[in-house]
Protein backbone atom coordinates (compact mmCIF):
# COMPACT_ATOMS: atom_id res chain seq x y z
CA MET A 1 0.00 0.00 0.00
CA ARG A 2 1.05 3.62 -0.37
CA ARG A 3 2.26 4.83 2.99
CA ALA A 4 1.05 8.13 4.41
CA ARG A 5 3.76 10.66 5.15
CA TRP A 6 3.12 10.47 8.88
CA ASP A 7 4.35 7.33 10.61
CA PHE A 8 1.80 6.17 13.19
CA ARG A 9 3.54 2.88 13.97
CA MET A 10 5.09 4.16 17.18
CA GLY A 11 3.54 5.68 20.29
CA ASP A 12 1.25 4.65 23.08
CA GLU A 13 -2.18 3.08 22.84
CA GLN A 14 -3.94 6.45 22.59
CA GLU A 15 -1.72 7.51 19.67
CA ARG A 16 -2.44 4.23 17.89
CA ARG A 17 -6.14 4.77 18.51
CA GLU A 18 -5.91 8.26 16.96
CA ALA A 19 -4.10 6.74 14.00
CA ASP A 20 -6.90 4.19 13.56
CA LEU A 21 -9.48 6.99 13.60
CA PHE A 22 -7.49 9.01 11.09
CA TYR A 23 -7.11 6.13 8.64
CA ALA A 24 -10.70 5.01 9.10
CA ASP A 25 -11.93 8.49 8.25
CA LEU A 26 -9.81 8.51 5.11
CA MET A 27 -11.03 5.08 4.09
CA GLY A 28 -14.69 5.56 5.00
CA VAL A 29 -14.75 2.42 7.13
CA ALA A 30 -15.61 1.85 10.77
CA PRO A 31 -12.47 1.84 13.00
CA VAL A 32 -11.96 -0.65 15.79
CA GLY A 33 -14.52 0.04 18.51
CA ARG A 34 -17.02 1.79 16.20
CA ARG A 35 -19.96 -0.04 14.68
CA ALA A 36 -20.17 -0.28 10.92
CA GLY A 37 -22.44 2.42 9.56
CA GLU A 38 -22.06 4.65 12.64
CA GLN A 39 -21.68 8.31 11.67
CA LEU A 40 -18.29 9.91 12.13
CA GLY A 41 -18.23 12.92 14.45
CA GLU A 42 -17.90 16.46 13.16
CA ASP A 43 -14.31 16.55 14.39
CA ASP A 44 -13.46 13.60 12.15
CA LEU A 45 -13.84 15.58 8.93
CA ARG A 46 -14.03 13.64 5.71
CA MET A 47 -12.05 14.23 2.59
CA ARG A 48 -13.28 17.39 0.86
CA ARG A 49 -10.64 18.18 -1.73
CA VAL A 50 -9.23 15.33 -3.79
CA LEU A 51 -6.20 16.11 -5.94
CA GLY A 52 -6.00 12.64 -7.37
CA PRO A 53 -7.19 9.10 -6.70
CA ASP A 54 -4.61 8.59 -3.94
CA THR A 55 -3.82 12.14 -2.83
CA LEU A 56 -5.47 14.42 -0.31
CA ALA A 57 -4.80 18.11 0.52
CA VAL A 58 -5.80 19.03 4.08
CA PHE A 59 -4.63 20.91 7.13
CA LEU A 60 -3.95 18.32 9.81
CA SER A 61 -4.97 19.33 13.32
CA ALA A 62 -2.90 18.71 16.42
CA PHE A 63 -5.12 15.66 16.95
CA ARG A 64 -4.67 14.43 13.35
CA ARG A 65 -8.14 15.52 12.29
CA MET A 66 -8.54 16.91 8.80
CA ARG A 67 -9.40 20.52 8.04
CA THR A 68 -10.00 21.42 4.42
CA GLU A 69 -8.48 24.46 2.75
CA GLN A 70 -11.93 25.94 2.21
CA GLN A 71 -12.80 25.42 5.85
CA VAL A 72 -9.65 27.30 6.91
CA ARG A 73 -10.27 30.12 4.44
CA ASN A 74 -13.91 30.50 5.46
CA ALA A 75 -12.96 30.60 9.13
CA ILE A 76 -10.34 33.31 8.57
CA VAL A 77 -12.84 35.47 6.68
CA ALA A 78 -15.43 34.93 9.42
CA ALA A 79 -12.91 35.88 12.11
CA ALA A 80 -11.96 39.10 10.30
CA ARG A 81 -15.61 40.03 9.76
CA ALA A 82 -16.40 39.37 13.43
CA GLU A 83 -13.62 41.72 14.49
CA SER A 84 -14.85 44.34 12.03
CA ARG A 85 -18.30 44.25 13.65
CA ARG A 86 -16.69 45.05 16.99
CA TRP A 87 -15.19 48.18 15.45
CA HIS A 88 -18.36 49.56 13.86
CA THR A 89 -21.47 51.21 15.22
CA SER A 90 -24.95 49.89 14.52
CA ALA A 91 -25.08 52.46 11.70
CA GLY A 92 -21.90 51.03 10.17
CA ALA A 93 -19.48 53.82 11.03
CA PRO A 94 -15.96 52.91 12.26
CA ILE A 95 -15.22 53.22 15.98
CA PHE A 96 -11.82 54.78 16.56
CA GLU A 97 -8.89 53.40 18.55
CA SER A 98 -9.14 56.41 20.87
CA GLU A 99 -12.52 55.21 22.19
CA PRO A 100 -12.15 53.81 25.73
CA SER A 101 -14.58 50.99 24.87
CA MET A 102 -12.10 49.58 22.33
CA PHE A 103 -9.14 49.33 24.69
CA GLY A 104 -9.90 45.73 25.65
CA ASN A 105 -9.83 44.67 22.00
CA LEU A 106 -6.40 46.23 21.56
CA VAL A 107 -5.31 44.18 24.57
CA ARG A 108 -6.79 41.02 23.00
CA TYR A 109 -4.78 41.51 19.81
CA ASN A 110 -1.54 42.12 21.66
CA LEU A 111 -2.12 39.02 23.77
CA ALA A 112 -2.65 36.95 20.60
CA VAL A 113 0.93 37.46 19.41
CA LEU A 114 2.35 35.95 22.61
CA ALA A 115 3.21 32.73 20.78
CA THR A 116 4.45 30.87 23.86
CA VAL A 117 1.17 31.33 25.71
CA PRO A 118 -0.80 28.08 25.19
CA PRO A 119 -4.27 28.26 23.62
CA PRO A 120 -6.43 27.61 26.74
CA THR A 121 -4.56 30.27 28.70
CA LEU A 122 -4.69 32.73 25.82
CA LEU A 123 -8.46 32.35 25.48
CA GLU A 124 -8.93 32.93 29.22
CA LEU A 125 -6.77 36.05 29.14
CA GLN A 126 -8.56 37.41 26.07
CA ALA A 127 -11.99 36.81 27.60
CA ALA A 128 -10.90 38.66 30.73
CA ALA A 129 -9.55 41.53 28.62
CA ILE A 130 -13.03 42.40 27.33
CA ALA A 131 -15.04 41.31 30.37
CA PRO A 132 -17.40 44.05 31.62
CA THR A 133 -15.94 43.63 35.10
CA THR A 134 -12.38 44.41 33.97
CA SER A 135 -11.56 48.05 34.65
CA TYR A 136 -8.51 49.59 33.01
CA GLY A 137 -8.72 52.62 35.25
CA ALA A 138 -6.26 55.36 34.35
CA LEU A 139 -4.05 53.10 32.23
CA PRO A 140 -5.33 54.27 28.81
CA THR A 141 -5.23 57.98 29.65
CA THR A 142 -2.58 58.80 32.24
CA SER A 143 0.72 60.43 31.30
CA SER A 144 2.33 59.64 34.64
CA ALA A 145 4.95 56.91 34.38
CA SER A 146 4.41 55.83 37.98
CA THR A 147 0.64 55.60 37.45
CA VAL A 148 1.19 53.57 34.27
CA ASN A 149 3.41 51.13 36.19
CA SER A 150 0.94 50.72 39.05
CA GLU A 151 -2.02 50.30 36.71
CA VAL A 152 -0.18 47.75 34.56
CA THR A 153 0.59 45.76 37.71
CA ARG A 154 -3.02 45.94 38.86
CA VAL A 155 -4.66 45.06 35.54
CA SER A 156 -2.13 42.32 34.85
CA ALA A 157 -3.12 40.68 38.13
CA VAL A 158 -6.81 40.91 37.15
CA LEU A 159 -6.16 39.17 33.82
CA MET A 160 -3.86 36.58 35.38
CA ALA A 161 -6.56 35.71 37.92
CA ALA A 162 -8.64 34.34 35.04
CA VAL A 163 -6.01 31.71 34.22
CA THR A 164 -6.94 28.27 35.53
CA ASP A 165 -4.11 26.09 34.17
CA PRO A 166 -0.93 26.23 36.29
CA ARG A 167 1.17 25.06 33.33
CA VAL A 168 1.92 28.49 31.90
CA PRO A 169 5.15 30.19 30.82
CA ALA A 170 7.25 31.29 33.79
CA ASN A 171 7.30 34.85 32.43
CA LEU A 172 3.56 35.05 31.77
CA ALA A 173 3.07 38.05 34.08
CA THR A 174 5.76 39.95 32.18
CA LEU A 175 4.22 39.02 28.83
CA VAL A 176 0.78 40.19 29.93
CA SER A 177 2.23 43.44 31.25
CA ASP A 178 3.96 44.04 27.91
CA ALA A 179 0.69 43.43 26.05
CA LEU A 180 -1.03 46.03 28.22
CA ARG A 181 1.68 48.59 27.52
CA HIS A 182 1.54 47.90 23.79
CA ALA A 183 -2.25 48.30 23.81
CA ARG A 184 -1.81 51.62 25.59
CA ASP A 185 0.53 52.79 22.80
CA ALA A 186 -2.07 51.77 20.21
CA HIS A 187 -4.91 53.51 22.05
CA ARG A 188 -2.90 56.73 22.39
CA ASP A 189 -1.39 56.42 18.89
CA SER A 190 2.07 57.05 20.28
CA GLY A 191 5.12 55.05 21.24
CA ALA A 192 6.91 52.09 19.68
CA HIS A 193 3.75 49.98 19.45
CA SER A 194 1.26 52.57 18.23
CA ALA A 195 0.60 50.56 15.04
CA TRP A 196 -1.63 47.55 15.66
CA SER A 197 -2.39 46.31 12.15
CA ALA A 198 -0.03 43.31 12.41
CA VAL A 199 -1.41 42.12 15.75
CA PHE A 200 -4.91 42.42 14.26
CA VAL A 201 -4.05 40.12 11.34
CA CYS A 202 -2.22 37.63 13.55
CA ALA A 203 -5.04 37.64 16.12
CA CYS A 204 -7.59 36.75 13.44
CA VAL A 205 -5.46 33.94 12.02
CA ARG A 206 -4.41 32.52 15.38
CA SER A 207 -8.01 32.45 16.58
CA VAL A 208 -8.78 30.21 13.61
CA ALA A 209 -5.77 27.99 14.26
CA ILE A 210 -7.01 27.44 17.81
CA ALA A 211 -10.68 27.00 16.85
CA LEU A 212 -9.78 24.36 14.23
CA GLU A 213 -7.27 22.70 16.60
CA LEU A 214 -4.33 23.35 14.30
CA GLU A 215 -2.79 24.72 17.48
CA ALA A 216 -3.69 22.95 20.71
CA MET A 217 -2.42 21.43 23.91
CA VAL A 218 -1.67 17.73 23.45
CA ARG A 219 -0.72 15.81 26.58
CA GLY A 220 0.51 18.95 28.24
CA SER A 221 2.55 20.21 25.28
CA GLN A 222 1.74 23.13 23.00
CA VAL A 223 1.48 21.74 19.47
CA GLY A 224 1.16 23.82 16.30
CA ARG A 225 2.59 27.09 17.57
CA ASP A 226 2.76 29.60 14.68
CA VAL A 227 1.35 26.82 12.49
CA LEU A 228 -0.65 29.01 10.10
CA LEU A 229 1.09 32.35 10.48
CA ARG A 230 3.94 33.51 12.62
CA ALA A 231 2.49 35.44 15.57
CA THR A 232 4.24 38.81 15.63
CA GLY A 233 3.60 42.52 15.86
CA ARG A 234 5.44 43.14 12.59
CA HIS A 235 4.08 42.43 9.12
CA TRP A 236 7.50 41.98 7.58
CA GLU A 237 8.30 39.18 10.02
CA TYR A 238 5.30 36.99 9.23
CA ALA A 239 5.76 37.73 5.52
CA ALA A 240 9.41 36.69 5.69
CA THR A 241 8.50 33.47 7.50
CA ALA A 242 5.80 32.71 4.91
CA TYR A 243 8.39 33.18 2.17
CA GLN A 244 10.93 30.93 3.90
CA ARG A 245 8.33 28.18 4.33
CA ARG A 246 7.78 27.85 0.58
CA ASN A 247 8.82 24.38 -0.60
CA GLN A 248 9.76 23.55 2.99
CA GLN A 249 6.59 23.41 5.06
CA LEU A 250 2.94 22.78 4.22
CA GLY A 251 -0.17 23.42 6.26
CA THR A 252 0.78 27.09 6.58
CA TYR A 253 0.76 30.41 4.75
CA HIS A 254 3.16 30.76 1.81
CA ALA A 255 4.28 34.01 0.20
CA TYR A 256 3.72 34.45 -3.55
CA ASP A 257 4.40 37.04 -6.21
CA PRO A 258 1.13 39.05 -6.26
CA THR A 259 1.28 39.31 -10.06
CA GLN A 260 1.46 35.53 -10.49
CA VAL A 261 -1.38 34.14 -8.35
CA ALA A 262 -5.05 35.07 -8.09
CA PRO A 263 -6.25 36.28 -4.67
CA GLN A 264 -8.81 34.27 -2.74
CA PRO A 265 -10.74 34.93 0.47
CA GLY A 266 -8.50 34.29 3.45
CA ASP A 267 -5.34 35.52 1.70
CA ILE A 268 -3.25 38.38 3.09
CA ILE A 269 -2.11 41.30 0.93
CA VAL A 270 1.14 42.82 2.23
CA GLN A 271 2.42 46.27 1.23
CA ASP A 272 5.56 48.35 1.64
CA ARG A 273 4.60 51.29 3.86
CA ARG A 274 7.94 53.12 3.80
CA SER A 275 7.64 56.67 2.52
CA ALA A 276 9.34 55.92 -0.81
CA GLY A 277 8.07 52.35 -1.14
CA GLY A 278 9.53 50.25 -3.91
CA PHE A 279 10.08 46.85 -2.26
CA THR A 280 9.11 44.01 -4.62
CA PHE A 281 8.67 40.25 -4.47
CA ALA A 282 11.97 39.85 -6.31
CA GLN A 283 13.67 41.26 -3.20
CA MET A 284 12.03 38.81 -0.79
CA PRO A 285 12.37 37.99 2.02
CA PRO A 286 11.85 41.37 3.66
CA HIS A 287 13.95 42.56 6.56
CA ALA A 288 13.11 45.20 9.19
CA MET A 289 10.80 47.59 7.37
CA ASN A 290 7.51 49.42 7.72
CA ALA A 291 4.77 47.30 6.12
CA HIS A 292 1.04 46.66 6.29
CA GLY A 293 -1.21 43.64 5.74
CA ASP A 294 -4.93 43.19 5.02
CA ILE A 295 -7.05 40.02 5.02
CA VAL A 296 -8.99 39.31 1.82
CA ILE A 297 -12.68 38.81 2.61
CA GLU A 298 -14.32 39.05 -0.81
CA VAL A 299 -13.25 38.60 -4.44
CA SER A 300 -15.33 39.77 -7.39
CA THR A 301 -14.69 40.24 -11.11
CA ASN A 302 -13.05 43.64 -10.93
CA ASP A 303 -11.93 44.08 -7.35
CA VAL A 304 -10.87 42.52 -4.07
CA ILE A 305 -12.23 43.63 -0.68
CA THR A 306 -10.03 43.37 2.41
CA LEU A 307 -10.19 44.09 6.14
CA GLY A 308 -7.27 45.52 8.09
CA GLY A 309 -6.58 47.15 11.42
CA ASN A 310 -5.01 50.49 12.35
CA LEU A 311 -6.45 52.18 9.26
CA GLY A 312 -7.24 55.86 9.63
CA SER A 313 -8.71 58.84 7.87
CA GLY A 314 -5.69 61.12 8.05
CA THR A 315 -6.73 62.56 11.41
CA ALA A 316 -4.87 61.54 14.55
CA ARG A 317 -6.34 58.70 16.61
CA GLN A 318 -9.04 57.82 14.08
CA GLU A 319 -7.53 54.44 13.23
CA SER A 320 -9.97 51.55 13.19
CA VAL A 321 -10.74 48.29 11.37
CA ARG A 322 -11.67 49.29 7.83
CA ARG A 323 -12.29 47.79 4.44
CA ARG A 324 -10.17 48.42 1.37
CA ARG A 325 -10.93 47.85 -2.30
CA PHE A 326 -8.08 46.71 -4.57
CA PRO A 327 -8.26 46.52 -8.39
CA ARG A 328 -8.19 43.11 -10.04
CA ALA A 329 -6.90 42.50 -13.58
CA ALA A 330 -8.64 40.54 -16.34
CA ASN A 331 -6.45 37.53 -15.53
CA GLY A 332 -7.86 37.50 -11.99
CA ARG A 333 -4.68 38.72 -10.31
CA LEU A 334 -4.06 41.87 -8.32
CA VAL A 335 -3.14 45.01 -10.21
CA VAL A 336 0.34 46.03 -9.03
CA ASP A 337 0.88 49.28 -10.89
CA ALA A 338 2.12 52.76 -10.03
CA THR A 339 -0.80 54.28 -11.97
CA ARG A 340 -3.48 52.47 -9.91
CA SER A 341 -4.62 52.99 -6.33
CA TYR A 342 -6.96 51.29 -3.89
CA SER A 343 -9.86 52.91 -2.03
CA GLN A 344 -10.51 52.78 1.70
CA GLU A 345 -13.59 52.91 3.92
CA ASP A 346 -14.38 56.43 5.16
CA ASN A 347 -15.61 57.62 8.55
CA SER A 348 -19.21 57.00 7.55
CA GLY A 349 -18.52 53.36 6.79
CA ASN A 350 -18.73 53.82 3.02
CA LEU A 351 -16.23 52.06 0.74
CA PRO A 352 -15.71 54.23 -2.37
CA PRO A 353 -15.29 52.83 -5.88
CA LEU A 354 -11.80 52.29 -7.24
CA PRO A 355 -10.01 55.52 -8.19
CA ALA A 356 -9.32 56.17 -11.86
CA ALA A 357 -5.81 55.51 -13.16
CA VAL A 358 -3.35 58.38 -12.94
CA ALA A 359 -0.07 59.17 -14.68
CA ALA A 360 2.98 57.60 -13.08
CA THR A 361 5.28 59.99 -11.26
CA GLY A 362 8.67 59.67 -9.66
CA SER A 363 7.25 58.60 -6.29
CA LEU A 364 4.55 56.18 -5.18
CA GLY A 365 1.33 57.52 -3.69
CA SER A 366 0.40 56.33 -0.22
CA ARG A 367 -2.38 54.17 -1.71
CA SER A 368 -0.55 53.01 -4.81
CA THR A 369 -1.03 49.33 -5.58
CA ALA A 370 2.63 49.24 -6.64
CA ARG A 371 3.34 49.06 -2.92
CA ILE A 372 2.00 45.49 -2.81
CA PHE A 373 4.98 43.15 -2.66
CA THR A 374 3.48 39.78 -1.74
CA LEU A 375 0.27 37.81 -1.43
CA LEU A 376 0.16 35.21 1.33
CA GLN A 377 -2.00 32.13 0.77
CA PRO A 378 -2.73 29.19 3.11
CA ARG A 379 -1.34 25.97 1.63
CA PRO A 380 -2.55 22.58 2.90
CA SER A 381 -0.42 19.51 3.44
CA VAL A 382 -0.50 16.85 0.73
CA ILE A 383 -0.69 13.28 1.96
CA ASP A 384 -0.98 9.91 0.29
CA VAL A 385 -4.21 8.01 0.85
CA PRO A 386 -3.81 4.25 1.40
CA GLN A 387 -5.38 2.16 -1.34
CA ARG A 388 -8.21 -0.21 -0.51
CA THR A 389 -9.86 -3.27 -1.93
CA PRO A 390 -13.48 -3.22 -3.10
CA ALA A 391 -14.42 -4.63 0.27
CA GLY A 392 -12.88 -1.58 1.93
CA THR A 393 -9.84 -3.20 3.48
CA MET A 394 -6.35 -1.75 3.13
CA LEU A 395 -4.01 -3.39 0.68
CA ALA A 396 -0.99 -5.00 2.24
């Protein structure tokens, strides 16, 4: 028989049991201990995308359950849309980062990029960050360094009190304190961590990784850390990692030339945000640089709609989660051209049509699509499916 690329022959009884379940789901037969004809559970997802008679493309969870590419993409879009709803009024207008009510969400995003914090602990901390009973006191507004320090200590203790698992990183209190300080920078739009667009993207993607069990705790160990996207507060870092994973690692985001692949929902468009711009895919991987990323949520004939964080109107402290509209060429790919620009959601919640083309000049406009240097796409693992006889038994 064709052997799958994971070797399940070793391990304890539970691991062998999981292997039986995995193979049984692939084969469509009842595993040992399950009656023939019994329905498989929702967690034991069946093959959805078949690349060939013996090949399957899936994301494999920490528990060896299959997640299809479409399932991952749909979940990422849903996560981004859910965050967007948090940042808009009932009338559809963006809520700004300066609003006290949004401070807890900025904390949530900065907690999400703490890659060493295991999923159960992260979810408890994030829930506490937006709990109605959590008071941030003077932390968002004070200019007194001593008050900031005392408030960080107090709020950190409040968030830490929500953690129920004692198996946490030894420096968890320090990590939580740092997240609070970074959220304060974002809320005040000042300091080294005033930009929060990268933590927004990573928070959306990591929430999906955890929900689909691509990242999970398995027998006390954190499995799948950074599995989909590197958790970081810098766009260039996750883009560089996605580039380095090409042809080396599957079941993760890969970086592609934006002029060579068609965008799909769940992709991430990454741009050069330096004043002059000019970084291209040919220069990948990026190093320390100012960049920005948006999650693709909708693709139509002529344009692509994205959602991103820390997007403003040109007025201080009006950054929010906003949509953008990017032009799409006849071949289905993004338009990366100095004469074309994208549009961005305004303070009323309206997303304007695409701007008309303009003459190229010596410098790139702030919204020029020529600033796009890569498109990140989630790529599933490819595994071999064991052959079977007509009776449904594996071939020896």
